[in-house]
Amino acid sequence: MRFYAFGLTPNHTNDMPRLHAEAWADRRRRTQIARAMFRQRFPGMDVEDRSIKELRGMEGLRIRALYAELGLEHGVTWKGRNYDRQNWNMSDGINRALSAANASLYSLCAAVVTSLGYVPSLGFVHDAGTLPFIYDVADLYKHLTSIPAAFLAVRQDPQDDGKLVRKLLKQRVEEQKILQRLPKDLAALFQTDEAAPIQAGARPPSAL
């Protein structure tokens, strides 16, 4: 449900944080990885000639269209993404469900990202706040997990307090094999063969 902190053992290798930081610090590689993230969302589309700003705009349109489509499919009234963190009860049911599901998805992604050694604060599409890379990663899977879970939860129980949507999110994560896919997807983004936490020893050849 929530992810608050993680720790490092004294002999924890710094190979993956260095790999991540080197990719982030290189403007060309940073753009390549950002484009690779969008390519995952727009399969078959040539993203090479589009700016990151354009791709962000395309992504916004894609997600808004998905919200409208799921609203019609599940009979859920959709008026747009609107929520106030300071006043939870002011949001309608679907916005609360989306917020609850996304928060849990962020936690799951944070657990995987940090266990693999990536750096949560160095994002490629997002850049603000303390967890931009977590938002980058979660955005790759929202359309498969948190968004459909939220609309289904409101369809089944408009008064859901968050328990049902988290249950449905868990089901979607398992059905889509997100925990198995996520390490491999990250390895592909960074062009390293490592799909598991790096142990003490040599750095991946692609990172040298």
C-alpha atoms as a PDB file:
ATOM      1  CA  MET A   1       0.000   0.000   0.000  1.00  0.00           C
ATOM      2  CA  ARG A   2       2.823   2.416   0.826  1.00  0.00           C
ATOM      3  CA  PHE A   3       6.588   2.542   0.402  1.00  0.00           C
ATOM      4  CA  TYR A   4       8.442   4.698   2.905  1.00  0.00           C
ATOM      5  CA  ALA A   5      12.141   3.875   2.804  1.00  0.00           C
ATOM      6  CA  PHE A   6      14.767   1.351   1.853  1.00  0.00           C
ATOM      7  CA  GLY A   7      18.172   0.494   3.240  1.00  0.00           C
ATOM      8  CA  LEU A   8      21.528  -0.613   1.876  1.00  0.00           C
ATOM      9  CA  THR A   9      23.802  -3.268   3.309  1.00  0.00           C
ATOM     10  CA  PRO A  10      27.436  -2.235   3.886  1.00  0.00           C
ATOM     11  CA  ASN A  11      28.634  -4.365   0.966  1.00  0.00           C
ATOM     12  CA  HIS A  12      25.884  -3.325  -1.456  1.00  0.00           C
ATOM     13  CA  THR A  13      27.406  -2.662  -4.878  1.00  0.00           C
ATOM     14  CA  ASN A  14      27.002   0.756  -6.499  1.00  0.00           C
ATOM     15  CA  ASP A  15      27.100  -0.613 -10.048  1.00  0.00           C
ATOM     16  CA  MET A  16      23.465  -0.022 -10.935  1.00  0.00           C
ATOM     17  CA  PRO A  17      23.227   3.488  -9.424  1.00  0.00           C
ATOM     18  CA  ARG A  18      26.332   4.432 -11.431  1.00  0.00           C
ATOM     19  CA  LEU A  19      24.844   2.947 -14.599  1.00  0.00           C
ATOM     20  CA  HIS A  20      21.607   4.876 -14.012  1.00  0.00           C
ATOM     21  CA  ALA A  21      23.409   8.141 -13.191  1.00  0.00           C
ATOM     22  CA  GLU A  22      25.688   7.881 -16.225  1.00  0.00           C
ATOM     23  CA  ALA A  23      22.685   7.358 -18.527  1.00  0.00           C
ATOM     24  CA  TRP A  24      20.804  10.252 -16.922  1.00  0.00           C
ATOM     25  CA  ALA A  25      23.794  12.630 -17.109  1.00  0.00           C
ATOM     26  CA  ASP A  26      24.319  11.964 -20.831  1.00  0.00           C
ATOM     27  CA  ARG A  27      21.710  14.105 -22.630  1.00  0.00           C
ATOM     28  CA  ARG A  28      21.675  11.839 -25.688  1.00  0.00           C
ATOM     29  CA  ARG A  29      21.173   8.665 -23.664  1.00  0.00           C
ATOM     30  CA  ARG A  30      18.602  10.341 -21.454  1.00  0.00           C
ATOM     31  CA  THR A  31      16.558  11.192 -24.540  1.00  0.00           C
ATOM     32  CA  GLN A  32      17.028   7.674 -25.934  1.00  0.00           C
ATOM     33  CA  ILE A  33      15.692   6.092 -22.760  1.00  0.00           C
ATOM     34  CA  ALA A  34      12.765   8.516 -22.605  1.00  0.00           C
ATOM     35  CA  ARG A  35      11.893   7.668 -26.202  1.00  0.00           C
ATOM     36  CA  ALA A  36      12.191   3.957 -25.437  1.00  0.00           C
ATOM     37  CA  MET A  37       9.641   4.426 -22.660  1.00  0.00           C
ATOM     38  CA  PHE A  38       7.239   6.070 -25.099  1.00  0.00           C
ATOM     39  CA  ARG A  39       7.913   3.373 -27.699  1.00  0.00           C
ATOM     40  CA  GLN A  40       6.662   0.866 -25.147  1.00  0.00           C
ATOM     41  CA  ARG A  41       3.384   2.824 -24.928  1.00  0.00           C
ATOM     42  CA  PHE A  42       3.067   3.422 -28.677  1.00  0.00           C
ATOM     43  CA  PRO A  43       4.159   0.136 -30.281  1.00  0.00           C
ATOM     44  CA  GLY A  44       4.719   0.397 -34.003  1.00  0.00           C
ATOM     45  CA  MET A  45       4.984   4.195 -33.963  1.00  0.00           C
ATOM     46  CA  ASP A  46       8.185   5.971 -34.985  1.00  0.00           C
ATOM     47  CA  VAL A  47       9.014   8.205 -32.013  1.00  0.00           C
ATOM     48  CA  GLU A  48      12.515   9.179 -33.134  1.00  0.00           C
ATOM     49  CA  ASP A  49      11.460  12.364 -34.926  1.00  0.00           C
ATOM     50  CA  ARG A  50       9.250  13.632 -32.125  1.00  0.00           C
ATOM     51  CA  SER A  51      10.390  15.765 -29.222  1.00  0.00           C
ATOM     52  CA  ILE A  52       9.883  14.592 -25.654  1.00  0.00           C
ATOM     53  CA  LYS A  53       7.402  17.443 -25.218  1.00  0.00           C
ATOM     54  CA  GLU A  54       5.381  16.166 -28.183  1.00  0.00           C
ATOM     55  CA  LEU A  55       5.475  12.624 -26.828  1.00  0.00           C
ATOM     56  CA  ARG A  56       4.259  13.840 -23.436  1.00  0.00           C
ATOM     57  CA  GLY A  57       1.342  15.501 -25.177  1.00  0.00           C
ATOM     58  CA  MET A  58       0.541  12.318 -27.093  1.00  0.00           C
ATOM     59  CA  GLU A  59       0.646  10.358 -23.859  1.00  0.00           C
ATOM     60  CA  GLY A  60      -1.773  12.774 -22.220  1.00  0.00           C
ATOM     61  CA  LEU A  61      -4.227  12.334 -25.085  1.00  0.00           C
ATOM     62  CA  ARG A  62      -3.860   8.555 -24.936  1.00  0.00           C
ATOM     63  CA  ILE A  63      -4.627   8.396 -21.221  1.00  0.00           C
ATOM     64  CA  ARG A  64      -7.571  10.803 -21.467  1.00  0.00           C
ATOM     65  CA  ALA A  65      -9.013   8.648 -24.247  1.00  0.00           C
ATOM     66  CA  LEU A  66      -8.521   5.553 -22.076  1.00  0.00           C
ATOM     67  CA  TYR A  67     -10.362   7.200 -19.162  1.00  0.00           C
ATOM     68  CA  ALA A  68     -13.304   8.051 -21.433  1.00  0.00           C
ATOM     69  CA  GLU A  69     -13.352   4.563 -22.971  1.00  0.00           C
ATOM     70  CA  LEU A  70     -13.324   2.790 -19.596  1.00  0.00           C
ATOM     71  CA  GLY A  71     -15.967   5.166 -18.263  1.00  0.00           C
ATOM     72  CA  LEU A  72     -18.309   4.128 -21.079  1.00  0.00           C
ATOM     73  CA  GLU A  73     -17.409   0.456 -20.739  1.00  0.00           C
ATOM     74  CA  HIS A  74     -18.119   0.328 -17.004  1.00  0.00           C
ATOM     75  CA  GLY A  75     -20.919   2.864 -16.825  1.00  0.00           C
ATOM     76  CA  VAL A  76     -18.832   5.202 -14.669  1.00  0.00           C
ATOM     77  CA  THR A  77     -19.385   8.945 -15.063  1.00  0.00           C
ATOM     78  CA  TRP A  78     -16.085  10.511 -16.071  1.00  0.00           C
ATOM     79  CA  LYS A  79     -15.663  14.276 -15.760  1.00  0.00           C
ATOM     80  CA  GLY A  80     -11.888  14.395 -15.881  1.00  0.00           C
ATOM     81  CA  ARG A  81      -8.934  13.838 -13.575  1.00  0.00           C
ATOM     82  CA  ASN A  82      -9.533  16.099 -10.591  1.00  0.00           C
ATOM     83  CA  TYR A  83      -8.421  15.593  -7.013  1.00  0.00           C
ATOM     84  CA  ASP A  84      -7.192  17.568  -4.028  1.00  0.00           C
ATOM     85  CA  ARG A  85      -4.642  15.869  -1.795  1.00  0.00           C
ATOM     86  CA  GLN A  86      -5.638  18.172   1.034  1.00  0.00           C
ATOM     87  CA  ASN A  87      -9.340  17.350   0.755  1.00  0.00           C
ATOM     88  CA  TRP A  88      -9.830  13.715  -0.214  1.00  0.00           C
ATOM     89  CA  ASN A  89     -13.619  13.802   0.110  1.00  0.00           C
ATOM     90  CA  MET A  90     -13.990  16.573  -2.460  1.00  0.00           C
ATOM     91  CA  SER A  91     -13.061  14.131  -5.255  1.00  0.00           C
ATOM     92  CA  ASP A  92     -15.636  11.862  -6.850  1.00  0.00           C
ATOM     93  CA  GLY A  93     -15.458   8.073  -6.520  1.00  0.00           C
ATOM     94  CA  ILE A  94     -13.484   7.379  -9.685  1.00  0.00           C
ATOM     95  CA  ASN A  95     -10.859  10.008  -8.892  1.00  0.00           C
ATOM     96  CA  ARG A  96     -10.418   8.598  -5.380  1.00  0.00           C
ATOM     97  CA  ALA A  97     -10.134   5.082  -6.819  1.00  0.00           C
ATOM     98  CA  LEU A  98      -7.521   6.202  -9.349  1.00  0.00           C
ATOM     99  CA  SER A  99      -5.512   7.970  -6.644  1.00  0.00           C
ATOM    100  CA  ALA A 100      -5.610   4.932  -4.337  1.00  0.00           C
ATOM    101  CA  ALA A 101      -4.661   2.514  -7.120  1.00  0.00           C
ATOM    102  CA  ASN A 102      -1.869   4.721  -8.452  1.00  0.00           C
ATOM    103  CA  ALA A 103      -0.419   5.229  -4.970  1.00  0.00           C
ATOM    104  CA  SER A 104      -0.186   1.466  -4.491  1.00  0.00           C
ATOM    105  CA  LEU A 105       1.316   1.007  -7.950  1.00  0.00           C
ATOM    106  CA  TYR A 106       3.950   3.650  -7.150  1.00  0.00           C
ATOM    107  CA  SER A 107       4.801   1.743  -3.987  1.00  0.00           C
ATOM    108  CA  LEU A 108       5.184  -1.501  -5.872  1.00  0.00           C
ATOM    109  CA  CYS A 109       7.382   0.123  -8.515  1.00  0.00           C
ATOM    110  CA  ALA A 110       9.486   1.811  -5.832  1.00  0.00           C
ATOM    111  CA  ALA A 111      10.095  -1.523  -4.123  1.00  0.00           C
ATOM    112  CA  VAL A 112      11.283  -3.101  -7.373  1.00  0.00           C
ATOM    113  CA  VAL A 113      13.309  -0.096  -8.549  1.00  0.00           C
ATOM    114  CA  THR A 114      15.208   0.306  -5.285  1.00  0.00           C
ATOM    115  CA  SER A 115      15.798  -3.419  -4.826  1.00  0.00           C
ATOM    116  CA  LEU A 116      17.415  -3.510  -8.267  1.00  0.00           C
ATOM    117  CA  GLY A 117      19.623  -0.540  -7.440  1.00  0.00           C
ATOM    118  CA  TYR A 118      18.150   2.127  -9.720  1.00  0.00           C
ATOM    119  CA  VAL A 119      17.893   5.724  -8.486  1.00  0.00           C
ATOM    120  CA  PRO A 120      14.305   6.925  -7.786  1.00  0.00           C
ATOM    121  CA  SER A 121      15.219  10.606  -8.052  1.00  0.00           C
ATOM    122  CA  LEU A 122      16.692  10.473 -11.575  1.00  0.00           C
ATOM    123  CA  GLY A 123      13.811  10.427 -14.046  1.00  0.00           C
ATOM    124  CA  PHE A 124      13.907  10.452 -17.840  1.00  0.00           C
ATOM    125  CA  VAL A 125      10.399  11.682 -18.653  1.00  0.00           C
ATOM    126  CA  HIS A 126       9.459  13.155 -15.267  1.00  0.00           C
ATOM    127  CA  ASP A 127      11.942  15.428 -13.551  1.00  0.00           C
ATOM    128  CA  ALA A 128      10.218  17.098 -10.596  1.00  0.00           C
ATOM    129  CA  GLY A 129       9.950  15.954  -6.993  1.00  0.00           C
ATOM    130  CA  THR A 130      11.854  13.179  -5.270  1.00  0.00           C
ATOM    131  CA  LEU A 131      10.519  10.168  -7.206  1.00  0.00           C
ATOM    132  CA  PRO A 132      10.478  11.038 -10.919  1.00  0.00           C
ATOM    133  CA  PHE A 133      11.897   7.678 -12.010  1.00  0.00           C
ATOM    134  CA  ILE A 134       9.172   5.872 -10.042  1.00  0.00           C
ATOM    135  CA  TYR A 135       6.570   7.863 -11.986  1.00  0.00           C
ATOM    136  CA  ASP A 136       8.383   7.051 -15.241  1.00  0.00           C
ATOM    137  CA  VAL A 137       8.223   3.344 -14.480  1.00  0.00           C
ATOM    138  CA  ALA A 138       4.651   3.297 -13.156  1.00  0.00           C
ATOM    139  CA  ASP A 139       3.397   5.092 -16.265  1.00  0.00           C
ATOM    140  CA  LEU A 140       4.503   2.106 -18.351  1.00  0.00           C
ATOM    141  CA  TYR A 141       1.941  -0.096 -16.593  1.00  0.00           C
ATOM    142  CA  LYS A 142      -0.944   2.126 -15.460  1.00  0.00           C
ATOM    143  CA  HIS A 143      -3.063   1.289 -18.510  1.00  0.00           C
ATOM    144  CA  LEU A 144      -2.701  -2.401 -17.636  1.00  0.00           C
ATOM    145  CA  THR A 145      -3.157  -2.167 -13.874  1.00  0.00           C
ATOM    146  CA  SER A 146      -4.264   0.822 -11.810  1.00  0.00           C
ATOM    147  CA  ILE A 147      -6.538   2.538 -14.343  1.00  0.00           C
ATOM    148  CA  PRO A 148      -8.694  -0.490 -15.257  1.00  0.00           C
ATOM    149  CA  ALA A 149      -8.730  -1.588 -11.599  1.00  0.00           C
ATOM    150  CA  ALA A 150     -10.100   1.819 -10.561  1.00  0.00           C
ATOM    151  CA  PHE A 151     -12.959   1.838 -13.069  1.00  0.00           C
ATOM    152  CA  LEU A 152     -13.902  -1.759 -12.270  1.00  0.00           C
ATOM    153  CA  ALA A 153     -13.867  -1.025  -8.528  1.00  0.00           C
ATOM    154  CA  VAL A 154     -16.231   1.945  -8.898  1.00  0.00           C
ATOM    155  CA  ARG A 155     -18.494  -0.122 -11.128  1.00  0.00           C
ATOM    156  CA  GLN A 156     -18.699  -2.859  -8.476  1.00  0.00           C
ATOM    157  CA  ASP A 157     -18.864  -0.569  -5.445  1.00  0.00           C
ATOM    158  CA  PRO A 158     -19.230   3.205  -5.941  1.00  0.00           C
ATOM    159  CA  GLN A 159     -18.623   3.702  -2.203  1.00  0.00           C
ATOM    160  CA  ASP A 160     -15.377   1.700  -2.093  1.00  0.00           C
ATOM    161  CA  ASP A 161     -13.006   3.042   0.555  1.00  0.00           C
ATOM    162  CA  GLY A 162      -9.908   1.769  -1.268  1.00  0.00           C
ATOM    163  CA  LYS A 163      -9.942  -1.858  -0.180  1.00  0.00           C
ATOM    164  CA  LEU A 164     -11.640  -3.187  -3.309  1.00  0.00           C
ATOM    165  CA  VAL A 165      -9.563  -1.171  -5.765  1.00  0.00           C
ATOM    166  CA  ARG A 166      -6.333  -2.413  -4.153  1.00  0.00           C
ATOM    167  CA  LYS A 167      -7.610  -5.990  -4.369  1.00  0.00           C
ATOM    168  CA  LEU A 168      -8.411  -5.537  -8.056  1.00  0.00           C
ATOM    169  CA  LEU A 169      -5.048  -3.853  -8.627  1.00  0.00           C
ATOM    170  CA  LYS A 170      -3.311  -6.882  -7.096  1.00  0.00           C
ATOM    171  CA  GLN A 171      -5.220  -9.143  -9.474  1.00  0.00           C
ATOM    172  CA  ARG A 172      -4.202  -7.052 -12.474  1.00  0.00           C
ATOM    173  CA  VAL A 173      -0.550  -7.020 -11.378  1.00  0.00           C
ATOM    174  CA  GLU A 174      -0.608 -10.815 -11.117  1.00  0.00           C
ATOM    175  CA  GLU A 175      -2.472 -11.328 -14.399  1.00  0.00           C
ATOM    176  CA  GLN A 176      -0.118  -9.030 -16.292  1.00  0.00           C
ATOM    177  CA  LYS A 177       2.958 -10.557 -14.577  1.00  0.00           C
ATOM    178  CA  ILE A 178       4.237  -7.071 -13.731  1.00  0.00           C
ATOM    179  CA  LEU A 179       6.738  -8.290 -11.138  1.00  0.00           C
ATOM    180  CA  GLN A 180       8.283 -10.627 -13.688  1.00  0.00           C
ATOM    181  CA  ARG A 181       8.225  -8.071 -16.510  1.00  0.00           C
ATOM    182  CA  LEU A 182       9.422  -4.995 -14.677  1.00  0.00           C
ATOM    183  CA  PRO A 183      13.071  -6.024 -14.060  1.00  0.00           C
ATOM    184  CA  LYS A 184      13.427  -7.196 -17.662  1.00  0.00           C
ATOM    185  CA  ASP A 185      11.845  -4.047 -19.042  1.00  0.00           C
ATOM    186  CA  LEU A 186      14.205  -1.894 -16.990  1.00  0.00           C
ATOM    187  CA  ALA A 187      17.192  -3.942 -18.120  1.00  0.00           C
ATOM    188  CA  ALA A 188      16.129  -3.415 -21.737  1.00  0.00           C
ATOM    189  CA  LEU A 189      15.785   0.346 -21.220  1.00  0.00           C
ATOM    190  CA  PHE A 190      19.324   0.594 -19.869  1.00  0.00           C
ATOM    191  CA  GLN A 191      20.681  -1.927 -22.369  1.00  0.00           C
ATOM    192  CA  THR A 192      22.125  -4.223 -19.756  1.00  0.00           C
ATOM    193  CA  ASP A 193      21.723  -7.983 -19.552  1.00  0.00           C
ATOM    194  CA  GLU A 194      21.179  -7.771 -15.810  1.00  0.00           C
ATOM    195  CA  ALA A 195      17.532  -8.498 -14.918  1.00  0.00           C
ATOM    196  CA  ALA A 196      18.139  -9.015 -11.204  1.00  0.00           C
ATOM    197  CA  PRO A 197      19.873  -7.082  -8.408  1.00  0.00           C
ATOM    198  CA  ILE A 198      23.571  -6.854  -9.229  1.00  0.00           C
ATOM    199  CA  GLN A 199      25.762  -8.671  -6.748  1.00  0.00           C
ATOM    200  CA  ALA A 200      29.274  -7.630  -5.769  1.00  0.00           C
ATOM    201  CA  GLY A 201      31.624  -8.070  -8.692  1.00  0.00           C
ATOM    202  CA  ALA A 202      32.213  -6.789 -12.177  1.00  0.00           C
ATOM    203  CA  ARG A 203      29.944  -4.181 -13.719  1.00  0.00           C
ATOM    204  CA  PRO A 204      27.761  -5.183 -16.687  1.00  0.00           C
ATOM    205  CA  PRO A 205      29.804  -4.996 -19.953  1.00  0.00           C
ATOM    206  CA  SER A 206      27.355  -2.474 -21.460  1.00  0.00           C
ATOM    207  CA  ALA A 207      27.957  -0.105 -18.545  1.00  0.00           C
ATOM    208  CA  LEU A 208      31.748  -0.010 -18.868  1.00  0.00           C
END
